[in-house]
Amino acid sequence: MIYICILFNLFLLILINPCISQADIRLFDPSAKQDTLTTKKNFKVTLSLERNYFYEGEPVFLRVVVTNISKRNDSIAYLHESIMRNLSSCDYGKFMGDILYAAVPYTVFLPGDSIVLNYEINYAINENGGNTFAKSGTCFAGIELPLNDPEKNVISSNHLRFFIIEPVKNDVLYQKILDMNKKLDREDRINIINDFDEHINDYLYSVYFEGLYYFVTNWKNIMDYKMDSSFVNQILQQIRRNPDSFAVSSGVWHAYRILMKDGEKSKLQEFEDEILEKFKLSKSYVTLLECKKHYNN
């Protein structure tokens, strides 16, 4: 079960992170000796969060920006895995298990070049194979990436403090988030998804709406359920409502892939035009640019 959960988390990371291409993923023997970093010290690691407080049960995404601050090309070995091994936040380490080596062995940076990675950091895999969320309280996030040199130097990120707020237990969406993150069979999960879709307009004002929308969206994709024009239309409605939602920006990737797969060139163009013209500089706008870059490479 732990390997299924690891693959699921890596899959979600790919969906929200354009820097790791699905085409680049390959698995390595985690027991084999691997370098953590090169001997280079010319990098800056910056962490940020969408905000500094979250309700228990909400997804918390840590944004990690790695920048080459030198004036020459440089590289880091197994960047994603090095961050995963050395990220300190909530109970993050509990669901890592054996590291899966992803992307190319060395990530090359041009002078001033940056790569952005996103990590969902506030839940761990419980003994039943479901997700247990971080409890209310004060949390910290930081990364100390070790350099492979005799002095045992590290690249230190900034350190963040954020807060997990006690759950709104009488909120119906809070319970649905807990249910969605249990070990469920396909039929039970589909029932939650169908209920959400049917009552989506009634749920808009819950503090848990964005969180549940994110989980519903990703499980639809994992199960290949309702990944059609209805999904695209729903994403567009939510973009019009809140183009800066992390859940919606994640969904842009799925919608773009659906339109590409179905060969809907005119609808894809309409989808692009609306976001590019009406929602400039929003998260949805930036995500769309990343989609275009990813699929045109």
Protein backbone atom coordinates (compact mmCIF):
# COMPACT_ATOMS: atom_id res chain seq x y z
CA MET A 1 0.00 0.00 0.00
CA ILE A 2 2.82 2.45 0.81
CA TYR A 3 4.11 2.21 -2.76
CA ILE A 4 0.65 2.98 -4.16
CA CYS A 5 0.45 6.05 -1.92
CA ILE A 6 3.92 7.19 -2.97
CA LEU A 7 3.03 6.86 -6.63
CA PHE A 8 -0.23 8.73 -6.03
CA ASN A 9 1.61 11.65 -4.42
CA LEU A 10 4.21 11.71 -7.17
CA PHE A 11 1.37 11.65 -9.73
CA LEU A 12 -0.29 14.65 -8.09
CA LEU A 13 3.03 16.46 -8.08
CA ILE A 14 3.38 15.95 -11.82
CA LEU A 15 -0.11 17.29 -12.43
CA ILE A 16 0.52 20.55 -10.63
CA ASN A 17 4.15 20.95 -11.54
CA PRO A 18 5.22 21.58 -15.15
CA CYS A 19 8.90 21.13 -14.34
CA ILE A 20 8.54 17.34 -14.11
CA SER A 21 7.33 15.97 -17.40
CA GLN A 22 5.34 12.76 -17.46
CA ALA A 23 7.48 11.75 -20.41
CA ASP A 24 10.64 12.19 -18.32
CA ILE A 25 9.56 9.98 -15.41
CA ARG A 26 11.56 6.83 -14.91
CA LEU A 27 12.09 4.74 -11.82
CA PHE A 28 15.46 3.93 -10.31
CA ASP A 29 16.53 1.46 -7.68
CA PRO A 30 16.11 3.44 -4.43
CA SER A 31 18.71 1.27 -2.73
CA ALA A 32 21.39 2.28 -5.22
CA LYS A 33 23.85 4.96 -4.17
CA GLN A 34 22.90 8.33 -5.63
CA ASP A 35 24.44 11.79 -5.37
CA THR A 36 22.33 14.29 -3.46
CA LEU A 37 23.76 17.44 -4.99
CA THR A 38 26.73 18.52 -7.05
CA THR A 39 29.55 20.42 -5.37
CA LYS A 40 28.11 23.73 -6.54
CA LYS A 41 27.15 26.42 -4.05
CA ASN A 42 25.72 28.95 -6.48
CA PHE A 43 22.05 28.36 -5.79
CA LYS A 44 19.29 30.03 -3.82
CA VAL A 45 16.25 28.11 -2.52
CA THR A 46 13.14 30.15 -1.70
CA LEU A 47 9.97 28.80 -0.09
CA SER A 48 6.51 30.36 -0.13
CA LEU A 49 2.91 29.46 0.69
CA GLU A 50 -0.38 30.73 -0.70
CA ARG A 51 -1.16 32.16 2.75
CA ASN A 52 0.02 31.65 6.33
CA TYR A 53 -3.03 29.85 7.72
CA PHE A 54 -5.03 26.81 6.63
CA TYR A 55 -7.95 24.89 8.06
CA GLU A 56 -7.23 21.32 9.06
CA GLY A 57 -8.06 19.17 6.03
CA GLU A 58 -7.17 21.79 3.42
CA PRO A 59 -4.33 20.92 1.03
CA VAL A 60 -1.21 22.98 1.79
CA PHE A 61 1.11 23.45 -1.16
CA LEU A 62 4.68 24.55 -0.53
CA ARG A 63 6.19 26.39 -3.50
CA VAL A 64 9.92 25.80 -3.86
CA VAL A 65 11.92 28.04 -6.21
CA VAL A 66 15.50 26.99 -6.94
CA THR A 67 17.56 29.70 -8.67
CA ASN A 68 21.04 29.69 -10.13
CA ILE A 69 22.53 32.93 -8.77
CA SER A 70 25.84 32.52 -10.59
CA LYS A 71 26.85 33.92 -13.95
CA ARG A 72 27.46 30.56 -15.58
CA ASN A 73 25.61 27.36 -16.33
CA ASP A 74 25.31 25.07 -13.32
CA SER A 75 23.49 21.90 -12.29
CA ILE A 76 22.00 19.99 -9.38
CA ALA A 77 21.85 16.21 -9.22
CA TYR A 78 18.44 14.64 -8.61
CA LEU A 79 16.88 17.95 -7.64
CA HIS A 80 13.38 16.68 -6.81
CA GLU A 81 14.63 13.79 -4.70
CA SER A 82 17.14 15.95 -2.84
CA ILE A 83 14.36 18.33 -1.85
CA MET A 84 12.11 15.46 -0.79
CA ARG A 85 14.81 13.95 1.40
CA ASN A 86 15.64 17.21 3.12
CA LEU A 87 12.30 19.00 3.39
CA SER A 88 11.19 19.58 6.96
CA SER A 89 7.51 20.41 7.38
CA CYS A 90 4.58 18.98 9.36
CA ASP A 91 4.65 15.18 9.07
CA TYR A 92 5.90 15.27 5.48
CA GLY A 93 8.50 12.55 5.94
CA LYS A 94 5.94 9.98 7.04
CA PHE A 95 4.54 9.38 3.57
CA MET A 96 7.77 9.49 1.57
CA GLY A 97 8.89 5.87 1.92
CA ASP A 98 11.59 4.92 -0.57
CA ILE A 99 12.41 7.79 -2.88
CA LEU A 100 11.36 7.45 -6.51
CA TYR A 101 13.96 9.02 -8.79
CA ALA A 102 12.23 11.24 -11.33
CA ALA A 103 13.30 13.29 -14.34
CA VAL A 104 16.92 13.53 -15.53
CA PRO A 105 19.87 12.85 -13.20
CA TYR A 106 21.11 16.43 -13.53
CA THR A 107 18.94 19.52 -13.78
CA VAL A 108 20.86 22.18 -15.71
CA PHE A 109 20.33 25.86 -14.93
CA LEU A 110 21.29 28.78 -17.13
CA PRO A 111 22.60 31.91 -15.34
CA GLY A 112 19.70 33.35 -13.34
CA ASP A 113 17.46 30.43 -14.30
CA SER A 114 14.82 29.18 -11.84
CA ILE A 115 12.81 25.99 -11.49
CA VAL A 116 9.56 25.85 -9.51
CA LEU A 117 8.42 22.73 -7.65
CA ASN A 118 5.27 22.28 -5.55
CA TYR A 119 4.81 19.89 -2.64
CA GLU A 120 1.65 19.04 -0.73
CA ILE A 121 2.99 18.95 2.81
CA ASN A 122 0.22 18.62 5.37
CA TYR A 123 -0.79 14.98 5.39
CA ALA A 124 0.68 11.57 6.06
CA ILE A 125 -0.40 8.07 5.08
CA ASN A 126 -2.12 6.33 7.98
CA GLU A 127 -2.15 2.62 8.83
CA ASN A 128 -5.44 2.15 6.96
CA GLY A 129 -4.01 3.44 3.69
CA GLY A 130 -5.81 6.78 3.84
CA ASN A 131 -4.55 10.30 4.50
CA THR A 132 -4.26 11.83 7.97
CA PHE A 133 -4.00 15.61 7.97
CA ALA A 134 -1.74 17.71 10.17
CA LYS A 135 -3.49 18.78 13.36
CA SER A 136 -4.13 22.37 14.41
CA GLY A 137 -1.15 24.31 15.68
CA THR A 138 1.96 26.11 14.50
CA CYS A 139 3.96 24.56 11.65
CA PHE A 140 7.32 25.35 10.12
CA ALA A 141 8.83 24.62 6.72
CA GLY A 142 12.45 24.68 5.64
CA ILE A 143 14.99 22.90 3.47
CA GLU A 144 18.67 22.26 4.16
CA LEU A 145 20.12 20.72 1.00
CA PRO A 146 23.49 19.04 1.70
CA LEU A 147 26.33 19.59 -0.71
CA ASN A 148 28.53 16.71 -1.71
CA ASP A 149 31.77 18.28 -0.51
CA PRO A 150 34.31 17.66 2.28
CA GLU A 151 33.07 20.63 4.34
CA LYS A 152 29.51 19.24 4.36
CA ASN A 153 28.07 22.60 3.38
CA VAL A 154 24.35 23.05 2.78
CA ILE A 155 22.11 25.27 0.72
CA SER A 156 19.70 26.77 3.25
CA SER A 157 16.27 28.02 2.24
CA ASN A 158 14.29 30.66 4.05
CA HIS A 159 12.14 29.19 6.83
CA LEU A 160 8.38 29.68 7.03
CA ARG A 161 5.95 29.62 9.91
CA PHE A 162 2.29 28.92 9.23
CA PHE A 163 -0.77 27.85 11.17
CA ILE A 164 -3.22 25.00 10.94
CA ILE A 165 -6.61 26.09 12.30
CA GLU A 166 -8.99 23.71 14.02
CA PRO A 167 -11.48 22.23 11.57
CA VAL A 168 -14.99 23.54 11.09
CA LYS A 169 -16.46 20.19 12.06
CA ASN A 170 -20.08 21.12 11.31
CA ASP A 171 -19.14 22.01 7.72
CA VAL A 172 -20.43 19.26 5.44
CA LEU A 173 -17.46 19.67 3.10
CA TYR A 174 -15.00 19.00 5.91
CA GLN A 175 -16.51 15.54 6.34
CA LYS A 176 -16.48 14.99 2.58
CA ILE A 177 -12.76 15.82 2.49
CA LEU A 178 -12.14 13.27 5.23
CA ASP A 179 -14.24 10.71 3.36
CA MET A 180 -12.48 11.43 0.07
CA ASN A 181 -9.11 10.78 1.73
CA LYS A 182 -10.09 7.43 3.21
CA LYS A 183 -9.28 4.13 1.57
CA LEU A 184 -12.40 3.84 -0.59
CA ASP A 185 -13.54 1.60 -3.38
CA ARG A 186 -14.29 3.19 -6.74
CA GLU A 187 -18.08 3.27 -6.27
CA ASP A 188 -17.91 5.10 -2.93
CA ARG A 189 -15.49 7.66 -4.34
CA ILE A 190 -17.69 8.20 -7.38
CA ASN A 191 -20.67 8.81 -5.10
CA ILE A 192 -18.77 11.65 -3.39
CA ILE A 193 -17.75 13.10 -6.75
CA ASN A 194 -21.31 12.96 -8.11
CA ASP A 195 -22.71 14.60 -4.98
CA PHE A 196 -20.16 17.39 -5.25
CA ASP A 197 -20.91 18.02 -8.92
CA GLU A 198 -24.65 18.01 -8.30
CA HIS A 199 -24.47 20.50 -5.40
CA ILE A 200 -21.40 22.50 -6.43
CA ASN A 201 -23.19 25.85 -6.38
CA ASP A 202 -24.49 25.16 -2.87
CA TYR A 203 -20.95 24.49 -1.64
CA LEU A 204 -19.20 27.58 -3.01
CA TYR A 205 -19.08 29.52 0.26
CA SER A 206 -17.59 26.81 2.43
CA VAL A 207 -14.02 27.39 3.61
CA TYR A 208 -13.36 23.86 2.35
CA PHE A 209 -14.67 24.36 -1.18
CA GLU A 210 -11.26 24.82 -2.83
CA GLY A 211 -9.82 21.85 -0.96
CA LEU A 212 -12.61 19.47 -1.90
CA TYR A 213 -12.63 20.75 -5.47
CA TYR A 214 -8.92 19.92 -5.68
CA PHE A 215 -9.40 16.36 -4.39
CA VAL A 216 -12.44 15.76 -6.61
CA THR A 217 -10.59 17.05 -9.67
CA ASN A 218 -7.56 14.86 -9.14
CA TRP A 219 -9.56 11.72 -8.37
CA LYS A 220 -11.60 12.26 -11.52
CA ASN A 221 -8.34 12.27 -13.44
CA ILE A 222 -6.88 9.25 -11.63
CA MET A 223 -10.02 7.22 -12.26
CA ASP A 224 -10.59 8.73 -15.72
CA TYR A 225 -14.12 9.59 -14.61
CA LYS A 226 -16.01 12.48 -16.18
CA MET A 227 -12.84 13.63 -17.94
CA ASP A 228 -14.75 15.09 -20.86
CA SER A 229 -16.36 18.33 -22.03
CA SER A 230 -18.35 18.55 -18.79
CA PHE A 231 -15.07 18.73 -16.88
CA VAL A 232 -13.79 21.50 -19.15
CA ASN A 233 -17.01 23.48 -18.76
CA GLN A 234 -16.87 23.14 -14.98
CA ILE A 235 -13.25 24.35 -14.87
CA LEU A 236 -14.18 27.38 -16.98
CA GLN A 237 -17.01 28.23 -14.59
CA GLN A 238 -14.63 28.06 -11.63
CA ILE A 239 -11.98 30.13 -13.42
CA ARG A 240 -14.57 32.84 -13.96
CA ARG A 241 -15.39 32.66 -10.26
CA ASN A 242 -11.83 32.60 -8.92
CA PRO A 243 -8.96 32.48 -11.46
CA ASP A 244 -6.40 32.50 -8.62
CA SER A 245 -7.64 29.31 -6.97
CA PHE A 246 -4.92 26.67 -6.55
CA ALA A 247 -7.55 23.99 -7.21
CA VAL A 248 -8.67 25.62 -10.46
CA SER A 249 -5.13 26.23 -11.71
CA SER A 250 -4.40 22.54 -11.15
CA GLY A 251 -7.55 21.69 -13.11
CA VAL A 252 -6.37 23.76 -16.08
CA TRP A 253 -3.82 21.04 -16.80
CA HIS A 254 -6.51 18.38 -16.96
CA ALA A 255 -8.81 20.50 -19.12
CA TYR A 256 -6.02 21.33 -21.54
CA ARG A 257 -5.09 17.65 -21.87
CA ILE A 258 -8.73 16.69 -22.52
CA LEU A 259 -9.04 19.23 -25.32
CA MET A 260 -5.71 18.15 -26.81
CA LYS A 261 -6.63 14.46 -26.62
CA ASP A 262 -10.04 15.00 -28.21
CA GLY A 263 -8.56 17.08 -31.02
CA GLU A 264 -10.96 19.91 -30.21
CA LYS A 265 -8.82 22.62 -31.83
CA SER A 266 -11.53 25.28 -31.96
CA LYS A 267 -12.62 24.63 -28.37
CA LEU A 268 -9.00 24.60 -27.22
CA GLN A 269 -8.47 27.96 -28.89
CA GLU A 270 -11.58 29.35 -27.21
CA PHE A 271 -10.38 27.98 -23.88
CA GLU A 272 -6.98 29.64 -24.31
CA ASP A 273 -8.41 32.93 -25.58
CA GLU A 274 -10.77 33.39 -22.65
CA ILE A 275 -8.07 32.81 -20.04
CA LEU A 276 -5.40 34.85 -21.85
CA GLU A 277 -7.70 37.79 -22.54
CA LYS A 278 -9.80 37.98 -19.39
CA PHE A 279 -7.60 36.66 -16.58
CA LYS A 280 -4.10 38.00 -17.25
CA LEU A 281 -1.47 37.34 -14.55
CA SER A 282 -3.83 35.12 -12.57
CA LYS A 283 -2.73 31.64 -11.48
CA SER A 284 -4.94 30.16 -14.19
CA TYR A 285 -3.23 32.40 -16.77
CA VAL A 286 0.26 31.36 -15.65
CA THR A 287 -0.75 27.70 -15.57
CA LEU A 288 -2.10 27.92 -19.11
CA LEU A 289 1.23 29.33 -20.31
CA GLU A 290 2.97 26.40 -18.63
CA CYS A 291 0.57 23.97 -20.34
CA LYS A 292 1.25 25.49 -23.75
CA LYS A 293 5.00 25.32 -23.18
CA HIS A 294 4.80 21.72 -21.95
CA TYR A 295 2.69 20.40 -24.84
CA ASN A 296 4.54 22.35 -27.52
CA ASN A 297 7.99 21.07 -26.51
